Protein backbone atom coordinates (compact mmCIF):
# COMPACT_ATOMS: atom_id res chain seq x y z
CA GLN A 1 105.39 119.06 84.63
CA SER A 2 107.96 117.36 86.67
CA SER A 3 111.23 116.38 84.94
CA GLY A 4 112.26 113.97 87.64
CA ARG A 5 112.63 110.31 86.97
CA PHE A 6 113.33 107.17 89.08
CA VAL A 7 116.76 106.24 87.81
CA TYR A 8 120.02 105.28 89.44
CA ARG A 9 122.50 107.64 89.00
CA ASP A 10 125.43 106.65 91.28
CA ASP A 11 126.13 106.04 94.86
CA ASP A 12 126.57 109.89 95.75
CA PRO A 13 123.18 110.98 97.56
CA LEU A 14 124.12 114.81 96.27
CA SER A 15 123.66 113.22 92.93
CA TYR A 16 119.95 113.00 93.98
CA ASP A 17 119.65 116.13 95.65
CA LEU A 18 117.68 118.44 93.08
CA ALA A 19 115.50 115.48 92.26
CA PHE A 20 114.61 113.90 95.53
CA SER A 21 112.63 115.37 98.53
CA GLN A 22 112.80 113.57 101.55
CA VAL A 23 109.30 114.03 103.26
CA THR A 24 109.83 111.70 106.24
CA ARG A 25 112.46 111.48 108.85
CA ASN A 26 113.91 114.59 107.75
CA ASN A 27 116.17 114.53 110.81
CA GLU A 28 117.47 111.65 109.64
CA ARG A 29 118.01 112.23 106.04
CA ASP A 30 119.16 108.91 104.47
CA LEU A 31 118.87 108.19 100.79
CA LYS A 32 120.82 104.89 100.84
CA PRO A 33 117.41 102.83 100.77
CA VAL A 34 116.42 104.84 97.61
CA ILE A 35 119.68 104.44 96.19
CA ASP A 36 120.14 100.59 96.74
CA LEU A 37 116.56 100.36 95.35
CA LEU A 38 117.55 102.19 92.18
CA ARG A 39 120.80 100.35 91.83
CA TRP A 40 119.14 96.96 92.06
CA GLU A 41 116.32 98.05 89.66
CA ASP A 42 118.95 99.42 87.19
CA GLY A 43 121.11 96.22 87.09
CA ALA A 44 118.41 93.74 87.41
CA ASP A 45 117.62 91.31 84.25
CA ASP A 46 113.96 90.35 83.77
CA ASP A 47 114.35 86.97 85.79
CA SER A 48 116.18 88.76 88.61
CA PHE A 49 113.73 91.59 88.54
CA GLU A 50 110.54 89.11 88.64
CA GLY A 51 112.14 87.02 91.34
CA GLU A 52 113.45 89.69 93.78
CA LEU A 53 110.72 92.37 93.32
CA GLY A 54 109.09 91.23 96.28
CA ASP A 55 112.20 91.83 98.32
CA TRP A 56 112.23 95.39 97.50
CA VAL A 57 108.43 96.34 97.31
CA ASP A 58 105.15 95.10 98.98
CA VAL A 59 103.76 93.94 95.43
CA GLU A 60 100.24 93.42 97.02
CA ARG A 61 100.05 97.21 98.82
CA PHE A 62 101.71 98.37 95.24
CA ALA A 63 99.16 96.77 92.91
CA THR A 64 96.54 98.16 95.33
CA TYR A 65 97.97 101.54 95.03
CA VAL A 66 98.21 101.67 91.28
CA ALA A 67 94.70 100.13 90.85
CA LEU A 68 93.09 102.82 93.13
CA GLN A 69 94.97 105.73 91.44
CA ASP A 70 93.55 104.21 88.06
CA LEU A 71 90.09 103.94 89.55
CA LEU A 72 90.44 107.61 90.75
CA ALA A 73 91.78 108.68 87.52
CA ASN A 74 94.58 110.31 89.38
CA THR A 75 96.83 112.01 86.76
CA ASP A 76 99.11 113.29 89.25
CA ASP A 77 100.16 109.86 90.58
CA MET A 78 103.54 108.48 89.96
CA SER A 79 102.80 107.47 86.49
CA GLY A 80 101.22 110.94 85.73
CA PRO A 81 102.70 113.96 84.11
CA GLY A 82 103.34 115.52 87.72
CA GLN A 83 104.98 112.41 89.20
CA ASN A 84 103.88 113.84 92.29
CA CYS A 85 105.41 111.14 94.87
CA ALA A 86 108.42 109.53 96.11
CA ALA A 87 109.61 108.12 92.75
CA ASN A 88 110.03 111.84 91.75
CA LEU A 89 113.61 111.51 90.93
CA GLU A 90 115.51 112.52 87.92
């Protein structure tokens, strides 16, 4: 079981090194977009989260992804115990 969590630690990319593996653009390692998202999510109140989520996430595509994973009963998606996805941050 993964122990990773999608949580903001600080702005230092090394703080996420053991918890996050970049699988695309390996030659352009840049965790800033992920760190920016985590910082926003960590500090957003309910109204800001609701009002600004669409600025950070394609809500329609994400909802489709979640629904499909549920339909497939995939227990190893981002909400499952393995958290086998980009959200695998500690």
